[in-house]
Amino acid sequence: MSKTALITGITGQDGSYLAELLLDKGYIVHGLIRRASTFNTHRIDHLYRDPHDPEAKLFLHYGDLTDGSRLVTLLEKIAPDELYNLAAQSHVRVSFDEPEFTGLTTGLGTTRLLEAVRMTGLGCRFYQASSSEMFGATPPPQNEDTPVLSAIPVRRREALRLLDDAQLPRGVRDLCGQRDPLQPRVPAPG
């Protein structure tokens, strides 16, 4: 039987790569996407099939890390074997313009997701990815002991990585710490 994964932040850079990797490995993949006035699925459009297609292995669900009850409902419905939290406010300029929203989604969103896992009693594996921006000018590679010299308003790690790298699938380890060469680096405001 296929493993089932839920990816928050599936439409982002790492989420789209992870979805493709897991689909190639035979997983059934569910993704959490925010409802917006414009569609932001261009990174996963090549993976998506109509959910009524019997060959479909990728399913998208509207939701947000600021809505704990929706997270509980989705976890009960999907019952993932693995949960990858890649969702975050990752635009440096917006994180300064809206620091409270950044904290609510990036920090407390992780807490809401972990609470939803606890409330549903799922025994799923959980992976928390946090932005490399929290390390600021610290040179890579980073780990749990690396000093945080953040350029973003949230000065502490928002959540702990609950699995060490040895427990992660090789493809996910390969994604950690990599930057898409097409993604421009936005300097932190002075």
N, C-alpha and C. Protein backbone atom coordinates (compact mmCIF):
# COMPACT_ATOMS: atom_id res chain seq x y z
N MET A 1 0.83 -1.18 0.00
CA MET A 1 0.00 0.00 0.00
C MET A 1 0.88 1.25 0.00
N SER A 2 0.46 2.27 -0.72
CA SER A 2 1.22 3.51 -0.83
C SER A 2 1.20 4.29 0.47
N LYS A 3 2.32 4.95 0.75
CA LYS A 3 2.35 5.88 1.87
C LYS A 3 1.66 7.16 1.47
N THR A 4 1.11 7.85 2.46
CA THR A 4 0.43 9.12 2.23
C THR A 4 1.18 10.22 2.96
N ALA A 5 1.40 11.32 2.24
CA ALA A 5 2.09 12.47 2.83
C ALA A 5 1.22 13.71 2.68
N LEU A 6 1.31 14.59 3.67
CA LEU A 6 0.69 15.90 3.60
C LEU A 6 1.81 16.93 3.63
N ILE A 7 1.80 17.85 2.66
CA ILE A 7 2.80 18.90 2.58
C ILE A 7 2.12 20.25 2.72
N THR A 8 2.49 20.99 3.76
CA THR A 8 2.06 22.39 3.82
C THR A 8 3.11 23.18 3.06
N GLY A 9 2.70 24.22 2.38
CA GLY A 9 3.65 24.97 1.57
C GLY A 9 4.00 24.26 0.27
N ILE A 10 3.08 23.45 -0.24
CA ILE A 10 3.35 22.65 -1.43
C ILE A 10 3.58 23.49 -2.68
N THR A 11 3.05 24.71 -2.71
CA THR A 11 3.22 25.55 -3.90
C THR A 11 4.52 26.35 -3.86
N GLY A 12 5.27 26.25 -2.79
CA GLY A 12 6.54 26.96 -2.70
C GLY A 12 7.66 26.17 -3.38
N GLN A 13 8.83 26.76 -3.37
CA GLN A 13 10.00 26.15 -4.02
C GLN A 13 10.27 24.74 -3.52
N ASP A 14 10.51 24.58 -2.22
CA ASP A 14 10.85 23.26 -1.69
C ASP A 14 9.66 22.32 -1.68
N GLY A 15 8.46 22.86 -1.42
CA GLY A 15 7.26 22.02 -1.41
C GLY A 15 6.99 21.38 -2.76
N SER A 16 7.20 22.12 -3.83
CA SER A 16 6.96 21.57 -5.16
C SER A 16 7.99 20.49 -5.49
N TYR A 17 9.25 20.72 -5.12
CA TYR A 17 10.28 19.70 -5.35
C TYR A 17 10.00 18.44 -4.53
N LEU A 18 9.60 18.64 -3.27
CA LEU A 18 9.29 17.51 -2.41
C LEU A 18 8.10 16.72 -2.94
N ALA A 19 7.05 17.40 -3.40
CA ALA A 19 5.88 16.72 -3.96
C ALA A 19 6.30 15.84 -5.14
N GLU A 20 7.11 16.38 -6.01
CA GLU A 20 7.56 15.61 -7.18
C GLU A 20 8.38 14.39 -6.75
N LEU A 21 9.26 14.58 -5.78
CA LEU A 21 10.07 13.47 -5.27
C LEU A 21 9.19 12.36 -4.69
N LEU A 22 8.25 12.75 -3.83
CA LEU A 22 7.39 11.75 -3.19
C LEU A 22 6.48 11.04 -4.20
N LEU A 23 5.96 11.77 -5.17
CA LEU A 23 5.14 11.15 -6.22
C LEU A 23 5.97 10.14 -7.01
N ASP A 24 7.22 10.49 -7.32
CA ASP A 24 8.11 9.56 -8.03
C ASP A 24 8.37 8.30 -7.21
N LYS A 25 8.29 8.40 -5.89
CA LYS A 25 8.50 7.25 -5.01
C LYS A 25 7.21 6.46 -4.77
N GLY A 26 6.11 6.88 -5.41
CA GLY A 26 4.86 6.14 -5.29
C GLY A 26 3.93 6.60 -4.18
N TYR A 27 4.23 7.70 -3.54
CA TYR A 27 3.37 8.23 -2.48
C TYR A 27 2.08 8.80 -3.06
N ILE A 28 1.07 8.84 -2.22
CA ILE A 28 -0.10 9.67 -2.46
C ILE A 28 0.18 10.96 -1.70
N VAL A 29 0.11 12.08 -2.40
CA VAL A 29 0.52 13.36 -1.81
C VAL A 29 -0.67 14.30 -1.71
N HIS A 30 -0.85 14.87 -0.54
CA HIS A 30 -1.86 15.89 -0.30
C HIS A 30 -1.12 17.18 0.01
N GLY A 31 -1.66 18.29 -0.48
CA GLY A 31 -1.03 19.57 -0.24
C GLY A 31 -2.01 20.58 0.33
N LEU A 32 -1.54 21.37 1.25
CA LEU A 32 -2.33 22.45 1.84
C LEU A 32 -2.02 23.73 1.09
N ILE A 33 -3.07 24.36 0.54
CA ILE A 33 -2.89 25.62 -0.16
C ILE A 33 -3.82 26.67 0.42
N ARG A 34 -3.34 27.91 0.45
CA ARG A 34 -4.17 29.00 0.95
C ARG A 34 -5.10 29.48 -0.15
N ARG A 35 -6.30 29.81 0.25
CA ARG A 35 -7.24 30.40 -0.70
C ARG A 35 -6.81 31.83 -0.94
N ALA A 36 -6.70 32.19 -2.21
CA ALA A 36 -6.28 33.54 -2.58
C ALA A 36 -7.06 33.98 -3.81
N SER A 37 -6.99 35.25 -4.12
CA SER A 37 -7.72 35.75 -5.28
C SER A 37 -7.06 35.34 -6.59
N THR A 38 -5.80 34.94 -6.53
CA THR A 38 -5.12 34.43 -7.73
C THR A 38 -4.55 33.06 -7.41
N PHE A 39 -4.46 32.22 -8.42
CA PHE A 39 -3.90 30.89 -8.21
C PHE A 39 -2.39 30.97 -8.20
N ASN A 40 -1.78 30.24 -7.30
CA ASN A 40 -0.34 30.22 -7.17
C ASN A 40 0.15 28.77 -7.22
N THR A 41 -0.28 28.05 -8.23
CA THR A 41 0.06 26.63 -8.32
C THR A 41 1.01 26.34 -9.49
N HIS A 42 1.61 27.36 -10.07
CA HIS A 42 2.42 27.14 -11.27
C HIS A 42 3.57 26.16 -11.05
N ARG A 43 4.09 26.06 -9.85
CA ARG A 43 5.20 25.13 -9.59
C ARG A 43 4.77 23.67 -9.56
N ILE A 44 3.47 23.42 -9.37
CA ILE A 44 3.00 22.03 -9.30
C ILE A 44 1.99 21.69 -10.40
N ASP A 45 1.73 22.63 -11.31
CA ASP A 45 0.75 22.37 -12.36
C ASP A 45 1.08 21.13 -13.17
N HIS A 46 2.36 20.86 -13.41
CA HIS A 46 2.76 19.70 -14.20
C HIS A 46 2.51 18.38 -13.46
N LEU A 47 2.28 18.43 -12.16
CA LEU A 47 2.04 17.23 -11.36
C LEU A 47 0.56 16.95 -11.15
N TYR A 48 -0.26 17.97 -11.32
CA TYR A 48 -1.66 17.90 -10.93
C TYR A 48 -2.53 17.24 -12.00
N ARG A 49 -3.44 16.37 -11.56
CA ARG A 49 -4.47 15.77 -12.39
C ARG A 49 -5.81 16.02 -11.71
N ASP A 50 -6.86 15.96 -12.50
CA ASP A 50 -8.20 16.09 -11.93
C ASP A 50 -8.35 15.05 -10.81
N PRO A 51 -8.84 15.44 -9.64
CA PRO A 51 -8.95 14.49 -8.52
C PRO A 51 -9.91 13.33 -8.80
N HIS A 52 -10.74 13.45 -9.82
CA HIS A 52 -11.65 12.35 -10.17
C HIS A 52 -10.97 11.31 -11.06
N ASP A 53 -9.81 11.63 -11.58
CA ASP A 53 -9.04 10.71 -12.40
C ASP A 53 -8.53 9.59 -11.50
N PRO A 54 -8.80 8.32 -11.84
CA PRO A 54 -8.36 7.22 -10.97
C PRO A 54 -6.84 7.13 -10.82
N GLU A 55 -6.09 7.76 -11.73
CA GLU A 55 -4.63 7.76 -11.65
C GLU A 55 -4.08 8.92 -10.81
N ALA A 56 -4.96 9.80 -10.33
CA ALA A 56 -4.51 10.97 -9.57
C ALA A 56 -3.85 10.53 -8.27
N LYS A 57 -2.71 11.13 -7.98
CA LYS A 57 -1.96 10.83 -6.75
C LYS A 57 -1.66 12.10 -5.96
N LEU A 58 -2.07 13.26 -6.50
CA LEU A 58 -1.84 14.55 -5.85
C LEU A 58 -3.19 15.21 -5.61
N PHE A 59 -3.44 15.59 -4.37
CA PHE A 59 -4.71 16.20 -4.00
C PHE A 59 -4.44 17.48 -3.22
N LEU A 60 -5.13 18.54 -3.60
CA LEU A 60 -4.92 19.84 -2.94
C LEU A 60 -6.12 20.18 -2.07
N HIS A 61 -5.84 20.78 -0.93
CA HIS A 61 -6.88 21.14 0.04
C HIS A 61 -6.66 22.57 0.48
N TYR A 62 -7.75 23.34 0.51
CA TYR A 62 -7.65 24.70 1.01
C TYR A 62 -7.55 24.68 2.53
N GLY A 63 -6.67 25.50 3.03
CA GLY A 63 -6.49 25.61 4.47
C GLY A 63 -5.39 26.60 4.77
N ASP A 64 -5.15 26.82 6.02
CA ASP A 64 -4.18 27.82 6.43
C ASP A 64 -3.67 27.45 7.83
N LEU A 65 -2.41 27.72 8.09
CA LEU A 65 -1.83 27.41 9.40
C LEU A 65 -2.40 28.28 10.52
N THR A 66 -3.17 29.30 10.17
CA THR A 66 -3.79 30.13 11.20
C THR A 66 -5.14 29.56 11.65
N ASP A 67 -5.59 28.46 11.05
CA ASP A 67 -6.90 27.87 11.35
C ASP A 67 -6.73 26.46 11.90
N GLY A 68 -6.60 26.36 13.22
CA GLY A 68 -6.37 25.08 13.86
C GLY A 68 -7.47 24.06 13.64
N SER A 69 -8.74 24.48 13.63
CA SER A 69 -9.83 23.51 13.44
C SER A 69 -9.79 22.91 12.04
N ARG A 70 -9.42 23.71 11.04
CA ARG A 70 -9.29 23.17 9.68
C ARG A 70 -8.15 22.15 9.61
N LEU A 71 -7.07 22.42 10.32
CA LEU A 71 -5.95 21.48 10.33
C LEU A 71 -6.37 20.13 10.93
N VAL A 72 -7.14 20.17 12.02
CA VAL A 72 -7.63 18.94 12.63
C VAL A 72 -8.52 18.18 11.64
N THR A 73 -9.44 18.89 11.00
CA THR A 73 -10.35 18.26 10.03
C THR A 73 -9.57 17.59 8.90
N LEU A 74 -8.60 18.29 8.36
CA LEU A 74 -7.81 17.72 7.25
C LEU A 74 -6.98 16.52 7.70
N LEU A 75 -6.37 16.61 8.86
CA LEU A 75 -5.57 15.47 9.34
C LEU A 75 -6.45 14.24 9.56
N GLU A 76 -7.64 14.44 10.10
CA GLU A 76 -8.57 13.31 10.28
C GLU A 76 -8.96 12.70 8.94
N LYS A 77 -9.19 13.54 7.96
CA LYS A 77 -9.61 13.08 6.63
C LYS A 77 -8.48 12.39 5.88
N ILE A 78 -7.29 12.97 5.90
CA ILE A 78 -6.16 12.48 5.11
C ILE A 78 -5.42 11.35 5.83
N ALA A 79 -5.27 11.44 7.14
CA ALA A 79 -4.53 10.48 7.95
C ALA A 79 -3.16 10.19 7.34
N PRO A 80 -2.30 11.21 7.22
CA PRO A 80 -1.01 11.00 6.57
C PRO A 80 -0.05 10.15 7.40
N ASP A 81 0.79 9.42 6.68
CA ASP A 81 1.89 8.69 7.33
C ASP A 81 3.03 9.65 7.66
N GLU A 82 3.17 10.67 6.81
CA GLU A 82 4.23 11.65 6.96
C GLU A 82 3.65 13.04 6.76
N LEU A 83 4.11 13.99 7.56
CA LEU A 83 3.64 15.37 7.49
C LEU A 83 4.85 16.28 7.38
N TYR A 84 4.90 17.07 6.32
CA TYR A 84 6.01 17.97 6.05
C TYR A 84 5.51 19.40 6.14
N ASN A 85 5.96 20.15 7.13
CA ASN A 85 5.54 21.53 7.29
C ASN A 85 6.57 22.46 6.66
N LEU A 86 6.28 22.89 5.44
CA LEU A 86 7.16 23.80 4.71
C LEU A 86 6.52 25.18 4.58
N ALA A 87 5.33 25.35 5.10
CA ALA A 87 4.62 26.62 4.96
C ALA A 87 5.20 27.66 5.92
N ALA A 88 5.33 28.87 5.42
CA ALA A 88 5.85 29.97 6.25
C ALA A 88 5.72 31.28 5.50
N GLN A 89 5.81 32.34 6.23
CA GLN A 89 5.95 33.67 5.62
C GLN A 89 7.43 33.78 5.29
N SER A 90 7.77 33.72 4.03
CA SER A 90 9.19 33.64 3.68
C SER A 90 9.70 34.85 2.90
N HIS A 91 8.88 35.86 2.75
CA HIS A 91 9.33 37.05 2.04
C HIS A 91 9.88 38.04 3.07
N VAL A 92 11.18 38.33 2.97
CA VAL A 92 11.83 39.14 3.99
C VAL A 92 11.15 40.51 4.16
N ARG A 93 10.87 41.19 3.08
CA ARG A 93 10.26 42.52 3.17
C ARG A 93 8.89 42.44 3.86
N VAL A 94 8.08 41.47 3.48
CA VAL A 94 6.75 41.33 4.09
C VAL A 94 6.87 40.97 5.57
N SER A 95 7.89 40.20 5.93
CA SER A 95 8.04 39.84 7.33
C SER A 95 8.32 41.07 8.20
N PHE A 96 8.98 42.09 7.63
CA PHE A 96 9.18 43.34 8.36
C PHE A 96 7.92 44.20 8.34
N ASP A 97 7.22 44.20 7.22
CA ASP A 97 6.00 44.99 7.12
C ASP A 97 4.88 44.43 7.99
N GLU A 98 4.83 43.11 8.13
CA GLU A 98 3.76 42.45 8.87
C GLU A 98 4.33 41.44 9.86
N PRO A 99 5.06 41.90 10.87
CA PRO A 99 5.71 40.97 11.79
C PRO A 99 4.72 40.13 12.60
N GLU A 100 3.57 40.69 12.94
CA GLU A 100 2.59 39.92 13.72
C GLU A 100 2.04 38.77 12.89
N PHE A 101 1.70 39.05 11.64
CA PHE A 101 1.22 37.99 10.74
C PHE A 101 2.29 36.92 10.56
N THR A 102 3.54 37.35 10.42
CA THR A 102 4.65 36.40 10.25
C THR A 102 4.74 35.47 11.46
N GLY A 103 4.63 36.01 12.65
CA GLY A 103 4.67 35.20 13.85
C GLY A 103 3.48 34.26 13.97
N LEU A 104 2.29 34.76 13.59
CA LEU A 104 1.08 33.93 13.67
C LEU A 104 1.13 32.74 12.72
N THR A 105 1.67 32.97 11.53
CA THR A 105 1.70 31.87 10.55
C THR A 105 2.94 31.00 10.71
N THR A 106 4.09 31.62 10.78
CA THR A 106 5.34 30.86 10.80
C THR A 106 5.60 30.23 12.15
N GLY A 107 5.38 30.95 13.22
CA GLY A 107 5.64 30.43 14.56
C GLY A 107 4.48 29.66 15.13
N LEU A 108 3.38 30.35 15.37
CA LEU A 108 2.21 29.70 15.97
C LEU A 108 1.54 28.71 15.03
N GLY A 109 1.71 28.88 13.72
CA GLY A 109 1.16 27.92 12.76
C GLY A 109 1.74 26.53 12.98
N THR A 110 3.02 26.48 13.29
CA THR A 110 3.66 25.20 13.59
C THR A 110 3.07 24.60 14.85
N THR A 111 2.85 25.43 15.86
CA THR A 111 2.24 24.96 17.10
C THR A 111 0.84 24.42 16.83
N ARG A 112 0.06 25.13 16.02
CA ARG A 112 -1.30 24.66 15.69
C ARG A 112 -1.25 23.31 14.97
N LEU A 113 -0.30 23.16 14.07
CA LEU A 113 -0.17 21.91 13.33
C LEU A 113 0.21 20.76 14.26
N LEU A 114 1.16 20.99 15.14
CA LEU A 114 1.53 19.95 16.10
C LEU A 114 0.38 19.62 17.05
N GLU A 115 -0.38 20.63 17.45
CA GLU A 115 -1.54 20.40 18.30
C GLU A 115 -2.60 19.58 17.55
N ALA A 116 -2.78 19.84 16.28
CA ALA A 116 -3.74 19.06 15.47
C ALA A 116 -3.30 17.60 15.38
N VAL A 117 -1.99 17.36 15.25
CA VAL A 117 -1.48 15.99 15.24
C VAL A 117 -1.79 15.32 16.57
N ARG A 118 -1.53 16.03 17.66
CA ARG A 118 -1.80 15.48 19.00
C ARG A 118 -3.29 15.18 19.19
N MET A 119 -4.14 16.13 18.79
CA MET A 119 -5.58 15.97 18.99
C MET A 119 -6.15 14.81 18.18
N THR A 120 -5.63 14.57 17.00
CA THR A 120 -6.15 13.48 16.16
C THR A 120 -5.55 12.14 16.53
N GLY A 121 -4.47 12.14 17.32
CA GLY A 121 -3.85 10.89 17.72
C GLY A 121 -3.07 10.21 16.61
N LEU A 122 -2.73 10.96 15.57
CA LEU A 122 -1.98 10.36 14.46
C LEU A 122 -0.58 9.99 14.92
N GLY A 123 -0.11 8.89 14.42
CA GLY A 123 1.26 8.47 14.69
C GLY A 123 2.17 8.79 13.53
N CYS A 124 1.89 9.88 12.84
CA CYS A 124 2.66 10.21 11.64
C CYS A 124 4.03 10.78 11.98
N ARG A 125 4.93 10.65 11.01
CA ARG A 125 6.24 11.29 11.14
C ARG A 125 6.07 12.76 10.78
N PHE A 126 6.78 13.64 11.49
CA PHE A 126 6.62 15.08 11.29
C PHE A 126 7.98 15.68 10.96
N TYR A 127 8.00 16.51 9.92
CA TYR A 127 9.22 17.22 9.55
C TYR A 127 8.92 18.71 9.54
N GLN A 128 9.70 19.47 10.28
CA GLN A 128 9.55 20.92 10.33
C GLN A 128 10.71 21.57 9.59
N ALA A 129 10.42 22.28 8.54
CA ALA A 129 11.44 23.06 7.84
C ALA A 129 11.26 24.50 8.25
N SER A 130 12.34 25.14 8.60
CA SER A 130 12.30 26.56 8.92
C SER A 130 13.19 27.29 7.94
N SER A 131 12.92 28.53 7.76
CA SER A 131 13.66 29.33 6.79
C SER A 131 15.12 29.45 7.16
N SER A 132 16.00 29.31 6.18
CA SER A 132 17.42 29.55 6.41
C SER A 132 17.67 31.01 6.75
N GLU A 133 16.69 31.88 6.46
CA GLU A 133 16.83 33.30 6.79
C GLU A 133 16.98 33.52 8.29
N MET A 134 16.52 32.57 9.12
CA MET A 134 16.64 32.75 10.56
C MET A 134 18.10 32.72 10.99
N PHE A 135 18.99 32.15 10.16
CA PHE A 135 20.41 32.11 10.49
C PHE A 135 21.15 33.35 10.01
N GLY A 136 20.48 34.15 9.16
CA GLY A 136 21.09 35.38 8.69
C GLY A 136 22.42 35.15 8.00
N ALA A 137 23.48 35.80 8.50
CA ALA A 137 24.79 35.76 7.87
C ALA A 137 25.61 34.54 8.26
N THR A 138 25.08 33.64 9.07
CA THR A 138 25.83 32.46 9.47
C THR A 138 26.07 31.58 8.25
N PRO A 139 27.32 31.21 7.98
CA PRO A 139 27.58 30.40 6.78
C PRO A 139 27.05 28.98 6.93
N PRO A 140 26.61 28.38 5.81
CA PRO A 140 26.13 27.00 5.86
C PRO A 140 27.31 26.04 6.02
N PRO A 141 27.08 24.79 6.38
CA PRO A 141 25.77 24.23 6.72
C PRO A 141 25.38 24.60 8.15
N GLN A 142 24.08 24.66 8.39
CA GLN A 142 23.58 24.97 9.72
C GLN A 142 22.94 23.72 10.32
N ASN A 143 22.90 23.68 11.65
CA ASN A 143 22.20 22.62 12.36
C ASN A 143 21.62 23.20 13.65
N GLU A 144 21.16 22.35 14.54
CA GLU A 144 20.49 22.81 15.75
C GLU A 144 21.41 23.62 16.67
N ASP A 145 22.74 23.48 16.52
CA ASP A 145 23.69 24.19 17.38
C ASP A 145 24.22 25.48 16.76
N THR A 146 23.81 25.79 15.54
CA THR A 146 24.29 26.98 14.84
C THR A 146 23.72 28.24 15.50
N PRO A 147 24.56 29.27 15.73
CA PRO A 147 24.04 30.51 16.29
C PRO A 147 23.04 31.17 15.33
N VAL A 148 21.99 31.74 15.90
CA VAL A 148 20.97 32.41 15.10
C VAL A 148 21.31 33.89 15.02
N LEU A 149 21.66 34.35 13.82
CA LEU A 149 21.96 35.76 13.57
C LEU A 149 20.95 36.28 12.57
N SER A 150 19.71 36.21 12.95
CA SER A 150 18.60 36.45 12.04
C SER A 150 18.52 37.87 11.51
N ALA A 151 18.07 37.96 10.26
CA ALA A 151 17.79 39.26 9.65
C ALA A 151 16.28 39.52 9.61
N ILE A 152 15.48 38.57 10.13
CA ILE A 152 14.03 38.72 10.11
C ILE A 152 13.55 39.03 11.52
N PRO A 153 12.34 39.57 11.67
CA PRO A 153 11.87 40.00 12.98
C PRO A 153 11.76 38.89 14.02
N VAL A 154 11.49 37.66 13.60
CA VAL A 154 11.38 36.56 14.56
C VAL A 154 12.81 36.12 14.88
N ARG A 155 13.28 36.39 16.08
CA ARG A 155 14.68 36.19 16.42
C ARG A 155 15.00 34.81 16.98
N ARG A 156 13.99 34.01 17.24
CA ARG A 156 14.24 32.67 17.77
C ARG A 156 13.75 31.65 16.77
N ARG A 157 14.24 30.44 16.93
CA ARG A 157 13.70 29.36 16.11
C ARG A 157 12.22 29.23 16.42
N GLU A 158 11.42 29.14 15.36
CA GLU A 158 9.98 29.10 15.58
C GLU A 158 9.51 27.74 16.05
N ALA A 159 10.21 26.70 15.69
CA ALA A 159 9.83 25.36 16.13
C ALA A 159 11.05 24.46 16.04
N LEU A 160 10.99 23.34 16.68
CA LEU A 160 12.10 22.40 16.66
C LEU A 160 11.92 21.40 15.55
N ARG A 161 13.01 21.00 14.94
CA ARG A 161 12.95 19.90 13.99
C ARG A 161 12.81 18.64 14.83
N LEU A 162 11.76 17.88 14.62
CA LEU A 162 11.47 16.74 15.48
C LEU A 162 12.14 15.46 15.01
N LEU A 163 12.61 15.46 13.79
CA LEU A 163 13.33 14.29 13.29
C LEU A 163 14.74 14.72 12.93
N ASP A 164 15.72 13.90 13.26
CA ASP A 164 17.05 14.27 12.81
C ASP A 164 17.22 13.85 11.35
N ASP A 165 18.26 14.38 10.69
CA ASP A 165 18.44 14.15 9.26
C ASP A 165 18.55 12.68 8.90
N ALA A 166 19.08 11.86 9.79
CA ALA A 166 19.24 10.44 9.49
C ALA A 166 17.89 9.74 9.32
N GLN A 167 16.82 10.30 9.89
CA GLN A 167 15.50 9.69 9.80
C GLN A 167 14.75 10.13 8.54
N LEU A 168 15.25 11.14 7.84
CA LEU A 168 14.55 11.67 6.68
C LEU A 168 14.89 10.89 5.42
N PRO A 169 13.94 10.79 4.48
CA PRO A 169 14.27 10.17 3.20
C PRO A 169 15.41 10.94 2.54
N ARG A 170 16.28 10.24 1.82
CA ARG A 170 17.46 10.85 1.22
C ARG A 170 17.11 12.07 0.38
N GLY A 171 16.06 12.02 -0.41
CA GLY A 171 15.69 13.13 -1.26
C GLY A 171 15.35 14.38 -0.48
N VAL A 172 14.75 14.21 0.70
CA VAL A 172 14.43 15.37 1.53
C VAL A 172 15.70 15.94 2.12
N ARG A 173 16.63 15.06 2.56
CA ARG A 173 17.91 15.55 3.06
C ARG A 173 18.63 16.35 1.99
N ASP A 174 18.53 15.90 0.74
CA ASP A 174 19.18 16.61 -0.36
C ASP A 174 18.59 18.00 -0.56
N LEU A 175 17.30 18.16 -0.26
CA LEU A 175 16.65 19.46 -0.43
C LEU A 175 17.03 20.44 0.67
N CYS A 176 17.34 19.92 1.84
CA CYS A 176 17.59 20.80 2.98
C CYS A 176 18.79 21.69 2.72
N GLY A 177 18.61 22.96 2.90
CA GLY A 177 19.70 23.91 2.76
C GLY A 177 20.02 24.30 1.34
N GLN A 178 19.29 23.78 0.36
CA GLN A 178 19.57 24.15 -1.03
C GLN A 178 18.68 25.30 -1.43
N ARG A 179 19.19 26.15 -2.28
CA ARG A 179 18.45 27.30 -2.78
C ARG A 179 18.27 27.12 -4.27
N ASP A 180 17.07 27.37 -4.74
CA ASP A 180 16.79 27.31 -6.16
C ASP A 180 17.60 28.40 -6.86
N PRO A 181 18.40 28.04 -7.89
CA PRO A 181 19.23 29.05 -8.55
C PRO A 181 18.40 30.14 -9.24
N LEU A 182 17.14 29.88 -9.50
CA LEU A 182 16.29 30.87 -10.14
C LEU A 182 15.66 31.82 -9.14
N GLN A 183 15.75 31.51 -7.85
CA GLN A 183 15.14 32.35 -6.83
C GLN A 183 16.11 33.46 -6.44
N PRO A 184 15.71 34.72 -6.65
CA PRO A 184 16.62 35.81 -6.30
C PRO A 184 16.74 35.95 -4.79
N ARG A 185 17.89 36.37 -4.34
CA ARG A 185 18.08 36.64 -2.92
C ARG A 185 17.64 38.07 -2.65
N VAL A 186 16.79 38.26 -1.67
CA VAL A 186 16.32 39.58 -1.31
C VAL A 186 17.07 40.01 -0.06
N PRO A 187 17.86 41.09 -0.14
CA PRO A 187 18.59 41.51 1.05
C PRO A 187 17.64 42.02 2.14
N ALA A 188 18.04 41.81 3.38
CA ALA A 188 17.24 42.29 4.50
C ALA A 188 17.28 43.82 4.52
N PRO A 189 16.17 44.44 4.91
CA PRO A 189 16.16 45.91 5.00
C PRO A 189 17.21 46.38 6.00
N GLY A 190 17.81 47.54 5.71
CA GLY A 190 18.87 48.10 6.55
C GLY A 190 18.34 48.72 7.73
